[in-house]
Amino acid sequence: MLNLTMANELIMPKMGESIMEATILKWLKKEGDHVEVDEAVLEIATDKVDSEVPSPFAGRISKILYKEGDVVQIGKAIAVIDGNGQAESPVKTEMPKVETTVQQEVRKEVVVEKMETPSSNGSADRFYSPLVLNIAREEGISMSELERIPGTGKDDRVTKADILNYLQNKGAVTTETMIEKRTEVKQPVTEEIKSTPLVISGNTEIVEMDRMRKLIADHMVMSKRVSPHVTSYVEVDMTPVAEWRNKIKDKFEKREGQKITFTPIFIEAVVKAIKDFPGINVSVDGYNIVYKKDINIGMAAALPSGNLIVPVIKNADRYNLFGLTATVNDLAGRARNNKLKPEEIQDGTFTLTNVGSFGSLMGTPIINQPQVAILATGAIKKKPVVIETEHGDVIAIRHMMFMSMSYDHRVVDGMLGGTFLKRVADYLENFDTNREI
């Protein structure tokens, strides 16, 4: 009986929007080891999350192409798995092979790259993303012209911002002038900070940022560079919400085995306000506004290391308050234990961060790109407040909280930003204290 062996390449998977590379943290298998379908082969890390990569094939690992610590582009082969003649899936039929989502995405990127990159003009040493190539094609930019555009990405890679800036200034500024101007800001701000002379005196200690903190630093600087930030504030009377939560929290915890926090209540109010003002649930693509039909709420969660990660509640408008509570608790718990899946930290359309959990009264959060707004809730404090009644003004002790929202002033003006923020406050202040959960 003839025993056929087929070699399959294990590909670095696509891990989320705008992620172009990942770092290999640890190989869980070594050359010669046998793996089953969906068995974890290695651990990788991106600027979003650490994750395991499962094998889509069954067989023996004949070759590992990269070592631990290497940074690998999405779509690159990282190992070779030789089939052992056995079926690679539970059912072997003559049906056409169905590719996984990861394989489809990788194939799509490879095909676009081959279609859009003329072999006669393209430089073999410079990588162009499919998005950049599509923009170049639509705008009539030749490959020779594309190669003259200075890039600010990794390894001088041309980013979307680079090509859009080139198009905006085309005709008014020569390419040579742009090269001179970009050379001054070519390195990331974090690199500039490292090279800035620093006089160190006294009793000090220098500690290098960990990998995630470096990536967060770059992402925050990029967001401030891309989006003109404006922050609006409102003070919210949280008394109805606080009294309702105090009334039901013990019964809820005894019944469900978990606590109910303020976070799902905040998310519920945000979702309702987004339905009223869909202009907040958008992204910016050049001079186009991309309206998101799905409402995916990211919630910033603190890790034991002090870093932050933003798990996303997909289609948050489809959950009731109980569903939101269960989902928030699950994501927050797995975030703290580094158990989130890659798809659980991507595709967010709006972000909520609770700075009040750290004792802060308010904050000015930085937008989580490519979103256009982020809302921060402060600490809830009891304070005397003037209340207007039909019998005149009275002073009462109320649970008060500041909310702030930073938004991208390219597409969200003060009226939309302020009105949306006030609408979230209205939903919280008019919370039904008789509702059941």
Protein backbone atom coordinates (compact mmCIF):
# COMPACT_ATOMS: atom_id res chain seq x y z
CA MET A 1 0.00 0.00 0.00
CA LEU A 2 1.44 3.36 -1.03
CA ASN A 3 1.80 5.77 1.92
CA LEU A 4 1.60 9.36 0.67
CA THR A 5 3.15 12.19 2.66
CA MET A 6 2.06 15.77 2.02
CA ALA A 7 3.86 18.84 3.36
CA ASN A 8 1.73 21.72 4.64
CA GLU A 9 2.92 25.15 5.69
CA LEU A 10 1.80 26.58 9.04
CA ILE A 11 1.10 30.25 8.34
CA MET A 12 1.38 33.20 10.73
CA PRO A 13 -2.35 33.99 11.09
CA LYS A 14 -4.07 37.35 10.71
CA MET A 15 -4.67 38.55 14.27
CA GLY A 16 -6.82 41.62 13.79
CA GLU A 17 -7.36 44.90 12.04
CA SER A 18 -4.16 46.79 11.11
CA ILE A 19 -1.85 44.11 12.61
CA MET A 20 0.92 43.29 10.13
CA GLU A 21 3.33 41.21 12.23
CA ALA A 22 3.62 39.12 15.38
CA THR A 23 6.41 38.03 17.71
CA ILE A 24 7.03 34.36 18.43
CA LEU A 25 7.07 34.00 22.21
CA LYS A 26 7.42 30.25 22.66
CA TRP A 27 7.34 27.08 20.59
CA LEU A 28 5.12 24.51 22.30
CA LYS A 29 6.30 21.80 19.88
CA LYS A 30 9.73 20.97 18.47
CA GLU A 31 10.88 19.50 15.19
CA GLY A 32 9.88 15.86 14.95
CA ASP A 33 6.85 16.22 17.23
CA HIS A 34 3.43 15.03 16.06
CA VAL A 35 0.49 17.46 16.18
CA GLU A 36 -3.23 16.94 15.82
CA VAL A 37 -5.73 19.25 14.13
CA ASP A 38 -6.36 22.34 16.33
CA GLU A 39 -3.54 21.43 18.72
CA ALA A 40 -1.52 24.45 19.90
CA VAL A 41 1.90 24.67 18.25
CA LEU A 42 3.31 27.99 19.47
CA GLU A 43 2.55 31.16 21.41
CA ILE A 44 2.71 34.54 19.66
CA ALA A 45 2.25 38.16 20.68
CA THR A 46 1.01 41.29 18.93
CA ASP A 47 0.35 44.81 20.19
CA LYS A 48 -3.18 43.63 21.00
CA VAL A 49 -2.95 40.23 22.67
CA ASP A 50 -0.88 37.13 23.34
CA SER A 51 -2.32 33.98 21.80
CA GLU A 52 -1.69 30.36 20.89
CA VAL A 53 -1.57 29.29 17.24
CA PRO A 54 -3.28 25.93 16.55
CA SER A 55 -2.36 23.63 13.71
CA PRO A 56 -4.94 23.33 10.91
CA PHE A 57 -3.27 20.03 9.92
CA ALA A 58 -2.41 16.70 11.52
CA GLY A 59 1.12 15.41 11.02
CA ARG A 60 4.75 15.72 12.05
CA ILE A 61 6.61 19.03 12.34
CA SER A 62 9.49 18.59 9.91
CA LYS A 63 10.86 22.14 9.99
CA ILE A 64 10.56 25.20 12.25
CA LEU A 65 11.37 28.28 10.17
CA TYR A 66 11.68 30.95 12.87
CA LYS A 67 13.06 30.92 16.40
CA GLU A 68 11.61 32.36 19.59
CA GLY A 69 11.81 36.15 19.69
CA ASP A 70 11.62 36.55 15.91
CA VAL A 71 9.14 39.07 14.47
CA VAL A 72 7.25 37.55 11.53
CA GLN A 73 4.95 39.21 8.99
CA ILE A 74 1.36 38.03 8.78
CA GLY A 75 0.95 35.41 6.04
CA LYS A 76 4.51 34.08 6.25
CA ALA A 77 5.13 30.36 6.70
CA ILE A 78 6.52 29.65 10.18
CA ALA A 79 6.74 25.84 10.11
CA VAL A 80 6.33 22.86 7.82
CA ILE A 81 4.05 19.99 8.84
CA ASP A 82 4.34 16.69 6.99
CA GLY A 83 1.09 14.71 6.76
CA ASN A 84 1.32 11.07 7.83
CA GLY A 85 -1.13 9.68 5.32
CA GLN A 86 -4.02 9.98 7.76
CA ALA A 87 -7.05 12.19 7.26
CA GLU A 88 -6.49 15.79 8.29
CA SER A 89 -10.09 16.16 9.36
CA PRO A 90 -12.68 13.83 10.92
CA VAL A 91 -14.43 13.29 7.56
CA LYS A 92 -12.60 12.63 4.31
CA THR A 93 -14.70 13.29 1.22
CA GLU A 94 -14.21 14.30 -2.38
CA MET A 95 -15.77 17.71 -1.71
CA PRO A 96 -13.65 20.74 -2.67
CA LYS A 97 -11.37 21.79 0.17
CA VAL A 98 -12.85 24.55 2.32
CA GLU A 99 -10.31 27.02 3.57
CA THR A 100 -10.31 28.37 7.10
CA THR A 101 -10.94 32.05 7.67
CA VAL A 102 -7.24 32.59 8.36
CA GLN A 103 -6.27 30.82 5.13
CA GLN A 104 -8.80 32.84 3.15
CA GLU A 105 -7.44 36.11 4.55
CA VAL A 106 -3.85 35.08 3.83
CA ARG A 107 -4.76 33.94 0.30
CA LYS A 108 -6.66 37.20 -0.29
CA GLU A 109 -3.65 39.29 0.74
CA VAL A 110 -1.22 37.23 -1.34
CA VAL A 111 -3.47 37.40 -4.44
CA VAL A 112 -3.95 41.16 -4.13
CA GLU A 113 -0.23 41.64 -3.69
CA LYS A 114 0.52 39.62 -6.84
CA MET A 115 -2.14 41.43 -8.86
CA GLU A 116 -1.21 44.93 -7.79
CA THR A 117 2.60 44.74 -7.82
CA PRO A 118 4.09 45.01 -11.33
CA SER A 119 7.12 42.72 -11.44
CA SER A 120 8.94 44.94 -13.90
CA ASN A 121 8.87 48.06 -11.77
CA GLY A 122 8.43 46.89 -8.15
CA SER A 123 11.29 46.74 -5.71
CA ALA A 124 11.80 43.28 -4.25
CA ASP A 125 13.15 44.78 -1.02
CA ARG A 126 10.15 46.93 -0.12
CA PHE A 127 6.82 45.60 1.11
CA TYR A 128 3.50 47.27 0.22
CA SER A 129 0.29 46.31 1.97
CA PRO A 130 -2.76 45.45 -0.16
CA LEU A 131 -4.49 48.59 1.13
CA VAL A 132 -1.65 50.86 -0.05
CA LEU A 133 -1.57 49.09 -3.42
CA ASN A 134 -5.31 49.49 -3.86
CA ILE A 135 -5.10 53.22 -3.09
CA ALA A 136 -2.22 53.59 -5.55
CA ARG A 137 -4.19 51.80 -8.26
CA GLU A 138 -7.34 53.87 -7.70
CA GLU A 139 -5.39 57.13 -7.71
CA GLY A 140 -3.31 56.24 -10.77
CA ILE A 141 0.02 56.14 -8.96
CA SER A 142 2.61 54.05 -10.83
CA MET A 143 4.94 51.68 -9.03
CA SER A 144 7.93 53.88 -9.78
CA GLU A 145 6.11 56.83 -8.23
CA LEU A 146 5.04 54.70 -5.26
CA GLU A 147 8.64 53.73 -4.61
CA ARG A 148 9.59 57.40 -4.32
CA ILE A 149 7.07 58.04 -1.54
CA PRO A 150 8.92 58.09 1.79
CA GLY A 151 7.54 55.66 4.35
CA THR A 152 7.24 56.13 8.10
CA GLY A 153 6.33 52.50 8.87
CA LYS A 154 8.57 49.66 9.93
CA ASP A 155 11.56 49.24 7.57
CA ASP A 156 10.51 52.46 5.75
CA ARG A 157 7.21 50.84 4.79
CA VAL A 158 4.63 53.16 3.17
CA THR A 159 1.57 53.34 5.41
CA LYS A 160 -1.95 54.42 4.48
CA ALA A 161 -1.28 57.78 6.15
CA ASP A 162 1.87 58.23 4.05
CA ILE A 163 0.16 57.68 0.70
CA LEU A 164 -2.89 59.78 1.66
CA ASN A 165 -0.62 62.61 2.76
CA TYR A 166 1.27 62.30 -0.52
CA LEU A 167 -1.97 62.55 -2.50
CA GLN A 168 -3.13 65.56 -0.50
CA ASN A 169 0.11 67.42 -1.13
CA LYS A 170 0.67 66.19 -4.67
CA GLY A 171 1.25 69.10 -7.00
CA ALA A 172 1.86 71.55 -4.18
CA VAL A 173 4.94 69.89 -2.71
CA THR A 174 7.54 67.95 -4.64
CA THR A 175 8.51 64.44 -3.65
CA GLU A 176 12.02 65.62 -2.83
CA THR A 177 10.66 68.22 -0.41
CA MET A 178 8.46 65.59 1.27
CA ILE A 179 11.45 63.29 1.69
CA GLU A 180 13.38 66.06 3.44
CA LYS A 181 10.44 66.87 5.71
CA ARG A 182 9.70 63.23 6.55
CA THR A 183 13.34 62.47 7.31
CA GLU A 184 13.05 64.74 10.33
CA VAL A 185 10.19 62.71 11.83
CA LYS A 186 11.02 59.33 10.35
CA GLN A 187 11.61 57.60 13.67
CA PRO A 188 8.75 56.93 16.11
CA VAL A 189 8.46 59.33 19.01
CA THR A 190 9.59 56.58 21.37
CA GLU A 191 12.86 56.38 19.46
CA GLU A 192 13.28 60.15 19.63
CA ILE A 193 12.80 60.05 23.37
CA LYS A 194 15.48 57.37 23.68
CA SER A 195 17.96 59.46 21.69
CA THR A 196 17.25 62.69 23.59
CA PRO A 197 20.17 63.52 25.90
CA LEU A 198 19.10 62.90 29.48
CA VAL A 199 21.05 64.09 32.47
CA ILE A 200 20.68 61.46 35.20
CA SER A 201 21.67 62.38 38.73
CA GLY A 202 20.88 61.21 42.20
CA ASN A 203 19.53 57.81 43.19
CA THR A 204 17.83 56.47 40.04
CA GLU A 205 17.03 53.21 38.33
CA ILE A 206 16.57 52.69 34.59
CA VAL A 207 14.14 49.97 33.54
CA GLU A 208 13.38 49.21 29.91
CA MET A 209 9.70 49.12 28.94
CA ASP A 210 8.28 45.64 28.49
CA ARG A 211 7.09 44.59 25.05
CA MET A 212 3.44 45.48 25.61
CA ARG A 213 4.25 48.89 27.12
CA LYS A 214 6.40 49.75 24.08
CA LEU A 215 3.54 48.85 21.74
CA ILE A 216 1.04 50.80 23.83
CA ALA A 217 3.35 53.82 23.78
CA ASP A 218 3.63 53.73 19.99
CA HIS A 219 -0.14 53.26 19.59
CA MET A 220 -0.94 56.21 21.87
CA VAL A 221 1.49 58.52 20.06
CA MET A 222 0.05 57.42 16.71
CA SER A 223 -3.50 58.15 17.87
CA LYS A 224 -2.62 61.68 19.00
CA ARG A 225 -0.82 62.29 15.71
CA VAL A 226 -3.71 60.98 13.56
CA SER A 227 -6.76 62.41 15.39
CA PRO A 228 -7.26 65.99 16.63
CA HIS A 229 -8.57 65.23 20.12
CA VAL A 230 -11.34 67.21 21.81
CA THR A 231 -12.72 66.27 25.24
CA SER A 232 -16.16 67.15 26.61
CA TYR A 233 -17.38 66.68 30.20
CA VAL A 234 -20.69 66.20 31.96
CA GLU A 235 -21.67 65.53 35.58
CA VAL A 236 -24.14 62.70 36.11
CA ASP A 237 -26.49 62.03 39.02
CA MET A 238 -25.92 58.30 39.52
CA THR A 239 -28.24 58.04 42.54
CA PRO A 240 -30.93 55.92 40.79
CA VAL A 241 -28.31 53.49 39.46
CA ALA A 242 -26.39 53.31 42.74
CA GLU A 243 -29.51 52.71 44.84
CA TRP A 244 -30.81 50.05 42.43
CA ARG A 245 -27.47 48.23 42.41
CA ASN A 246 -27.23 48.30 46.21
CA LYS A 247 -30.73 46.86 46.38
CA ILE A 248 -30.19 43.88 44.06
CA LYS A 249 -26.45 43.09 44.17
CA ASP A 250 -26.54 40.58 47.07
CA LYS A 251 -29.52 38.72 45.65
CA PHE A 252 -27.96 38.73 42.19
CA GLU A 253 -24.61 37.39 43.42
CA LYS A 254 -26.31 34.64 45.42
CA ARG A 255 -28.46 33.63 42.45
CA GLU A 256 -25.91 33.90 39.63
CA GLY A 257 -22.63 33.39 41.48
CA GLN A 258 -21.14 36.62 40.14
CA LYS A 259 -21.11 40.31 40.98
CA ILE A 260 -22.90 43.05 39.10
CA THR A 261 -20.72 46.13 38.60
CA PHE A 262 -21.46 49.53 37.11
CA THR A 263 -19.71 48.65 33.83
CA PRO A 264 -22.59 46.75 32.14
CA ILE A 265 -24.95 49.59 33.12
CA PHE A 266 -22.60 52.11 31.50
CA ILE A 267 -22.37 49.95 28.36
CA GLU A 268 -26.15 49.66 28.14
CA ALA A 269 -26.49 53.47 28.25
CA VAL A 270 -23.72 53.92 25.64
CA VAL A 271 -25.39 51.43 23.29
CA LYS A 272 -28.72 53.25 23.53
CA ALA A 273 -27.02 56.59 22.82
CA ILE A 274 -25.14 55.16 19.82
CA LYS A 275 -28.47 54.09 18.33
CA ASP A 276 -29.64 57.70 18.75
CA PHE A 277 -26.42 59.15 17.31
CA PRO A 278 -24.85 56.67 14.82
CA GLY A 279 -22.33 59.33 13.80
CA ILE A 280 -20.29 58.31 16.85
CA ASN A 281 -20.01 54.70 15.65
CA VAL A 282 -17.75 55.42 12.67
CA SER A 283 -14.17 55.35 11.42
CA VAL A 284 -12.28 57.66 9.07
CA ASP A 285 -10.72 56.45 5.82
CA GLY A 286 -9.06 59.40 4.14
CA TYR A 287 -11.98 61.73 3.32
CA ASN A 288 -14.54 58.95 3.69
CA ILE A 289 -16.61 58.26 6.81
CA VAL A 290 -17.21 54.55 7.40
CA TYR A 291 -20.45 53.99 9.32
CA LYS A 292 -20.38 50.79 11.38
CA LYS A 293 -23.66 48.90 11.49
CA ASP A 294 -22.44 46.67 14.32
CA ILE A 295 -22.13 48.14 17.81
CA ASN A 296 -19.02 46.55 19.31
CA ILE A 297 -18.08 48.05 22.66
CA GLY A 298 -14.50 47.79 23.89
CA MET A 299 -13.93 47.97 27.64
CA ALA A 300 -10.48 48.84 28.90
CA ALA A 301 -9.30 46.29 31.47
CA ALA A 302 -6.22 46.58 33.68
CA LEU A 303 -3.75 43.69 33.67
CA PRO A 304 -1.72 42.63 36.73
CA SER A 305 1.36 44.10 34.99
CA GLY A 306 -0.27 47.54 34.99
CA ASN A 307 -0.79 47.50 31.22
CA LEU A 308 -4.22 47.80 29.65
CA ILE A 309 -6.04 45.58 27.19
CA VAL A 310 -9.41 46.23 25.53
CA PRO A 311 -11.65 43.17 25.13
CA VAL A 312 -14.65 43.80 22.87
CA ILE A 313 -18.32 42.93 23.38
CA LYS A 314 -19.51 42.17 19.85
CA ASN A 315 -23.05 43.26 18.94
CA ALA A 316 -23.57 44.70 22.41
CA ASP A 317 -27.01 46.00 21.40
CA ARG A 318 -28.30 42.41 21.26
CA TYR A 319 -27.70 41.80 24.98
CA ASN A 320 -29.99 42.60 27.87
CA LEU A 321 -28.48 43.84 31.13
CA PHE A 322 -28.01 40.31 32.46
CA GLY A 323 -26.24 39.25 29.27
CA LEU A 324 -23.97 42.29 29.41
CA THR A 325 -23.12 41.54 33.05
CA ALA A 326 -22.15 37.95 32.31
CA THR A 327 -20.11 38.94 29.25
CA VAL A 328 -18.31 41.79 31.04
CA ASN A 329 -17.36 39.52 33.95
CA ASP A 330 -16.17 36.76 31.63
CA LEU A 331 -14.01 39.03 29.44
CA ALA A 332 -12.56 40.93 32.40
CA GLY A 333 -11.65 37.70 34.19
CA ARG A 334 -9.97 36.13 31.18
CA ALA A 335 -8.20 39.41 30.38
CA ARG A 336 -6.57 39.39 33.82
CA ASN A 337 -5.45 35.79 33.25
CA ASN A 338 -4.23 36.41 29.68
CA LYS A 339 -6.80 33.98 28.27
CA LEU A 340 -8.42 36.20 25.66
CA LYS A 341 -8.68 35.00 22.08
CA PRO A 342 -7.44 37.25 19.25
CA GLU A 343 -10.95 37.85 17.89
CA GLU A 344 -12.08 39.06 21.32
CA ILE A 345 -9.89 42.17 21.21
CA GLN A 346 -10.56 43.33 17.66
CA ASP A 347 -13.27 45.07 15.62
CA GLY A 348 -14.33 47.45 18.40
CA THR A 349 -16.33 50.49 17.28
CA PHE A 350 -16.44 52.46 20.56
CA THR A 351 -14.45 52.18 23.80
CA LEU A 352 -15.38 52.69 27.45
CA THR A 353 -12.76 53.13 30.17
CA ASN A 354 -13.62 53.33 33.87
CA VAL A 355 -10.97 55.61 35.39
CA GLY A 356 -13.13 55.81 38.51
CA SER A 357 -12.08 52.28 39.45
CA PHE A 358 -8.65 53.76 40.21
CA GLY A 359 -10.10 56.63 42.25
CA SER A 360 -9.90 59.29 39.52
CA LEU A 361 -12.71 61.84 39.32
CA MET A 362 -12.31 62.28 35.55
CA GLY A 363 -9.89 61.74 32.72
CA THR A 364 -8.98 62.75 29.17
CA PRO A 365 -8.67 59.37 27.43
CA ILE A 366 -6.83 58.83 24.14
CA ILE A 367 -8.92 57.49 21.24
CA ASN A 368 -8.44 53.81 20.44
CA GLN A 369 -7.77 53.91 16.70
CA PRO A 370 -9.45 53.45 14.26
CA GLN A 371 -12.43 54.48 16.39
CA VAL A 372 -13.41 58.15 16.72
CA ALA A 373 -14.50 58.37 20.37
CA ILE A 374 -13.75 56.99 23.82
CA LEU A 375 -15.77 57.60 26.98
CA ALA A 376 -14.34 57.69 30.51
CA THR A 377 -16.39 57.29 33.69
CA GLY A 378 -15.03 58.74 36.92
CA ALA A 379 -15.41 57.80 40.57
CA ILE A 380 -18.92 57.97 42.04
CA LYS A 381 -18.90 60.27 45.07
CA LYS A 382 -21.58 61.41 47.48
CA LYS A 383 -21.90 65.19 47.54
CA PRO A 384 -24.50 67.90 48.30
CA VAL A 385 -26.42 68.90 45.18
CA VAL A 386 -29.09 71.51 44.52
CA ILE A 387 -32.27 69.82 43.25
CA GLU A 388 -35.14 71.71 41.67
CA THR A 389 -38.59 70.58 42.85
CA GLU A 390 -42.13 71.87 42.42
CA HIS A 391 -41.87 73.24 45.95
CA GLY A 392 -38.59 75.04 45.35
CA ASP A 393 -34.90 74.23 45.41
CA VAL A 394 -33.54 71.82 47.99
CA ILE A 395 -30.09 70.54 48.86
CA ALA A 396 -29.72 66.75 48.97
CA ILE A 397 -26.94 64.18 49.19
CA ARG A 398 -26.60 62.49 45.79
CA HIS A 399 -24.23 60.01 44.14
CA MET A 400 -22.45 62.12 41.53
CA MET A 401 -20.02 61.15 38.78
CA PHE A 402 -18.09 62.98 36.07
CA MET A 403 -18.06 61.53 32.56
CA SER A 404 -15.69 62.68 29.85
CA MET A 405 -15.44 61.78 26.19
CA SER A 406 -12.54 62.38 23.82
CA TYR A 407 -13.48 62.43 20.15
CA ASP A 408 -11.92 62.90 16.74
CA HIS A 409 -12.68 66.47 15.67
CA ARG A 410 -12.26 65.58 12.00
CA VAL A 411 -15.69 63.96 11.99
CA VAL A 412 -17.21 64.60 15.44
CA ASP A 413 -17.84 68.26 16.16
CA GLY A 414 -18.69 69.78 19.53
CA MET A 415 -22.43 69.57 19.01
CA LEU A 416 -22.45 65.85 18.20
CA GLY A 417 -19.87 65.00 20.87
CA GLY A 418 -21.56 67.04 23.58
CA THR A 419 -25.09 65.90 22.69
CA PHE A 420 -24.08 62.25 22.62
CA LEU A 421 -22.37 62.53 26.00
CA LYS A 422 -25.42 64.26 27.50
CA ARG A 423 -27.67 61.51 26.09
CA VAL A 424 -25.60 58.84 27.86
CA ALA A 425 -25.99 60.84 31.08
CA ASP A 426 -29.76 61.11 30.54
CA TYR A 427 -30.11 57.34 30.22
CA LEU A 428 -28.20 56.85 33.47
CA GLU A 429 -30.12 59.52 35.38
CA ASN A 430 -33.45 58.10 34.22
CA PHE A 431 -32.56 54.52 35.07
CA ASP A 432 -35.60 52.40 36.03
CA THR A 433 -35.09 51.49 39.69
CA ASN A 434 -37.90 48.93 39.54
CA ARG A 435 -36.42 46.78 36.82
CA GLU A 436 -35.64 43.12 37.40
CA ILE A 437 -32.52 41.30 36.28
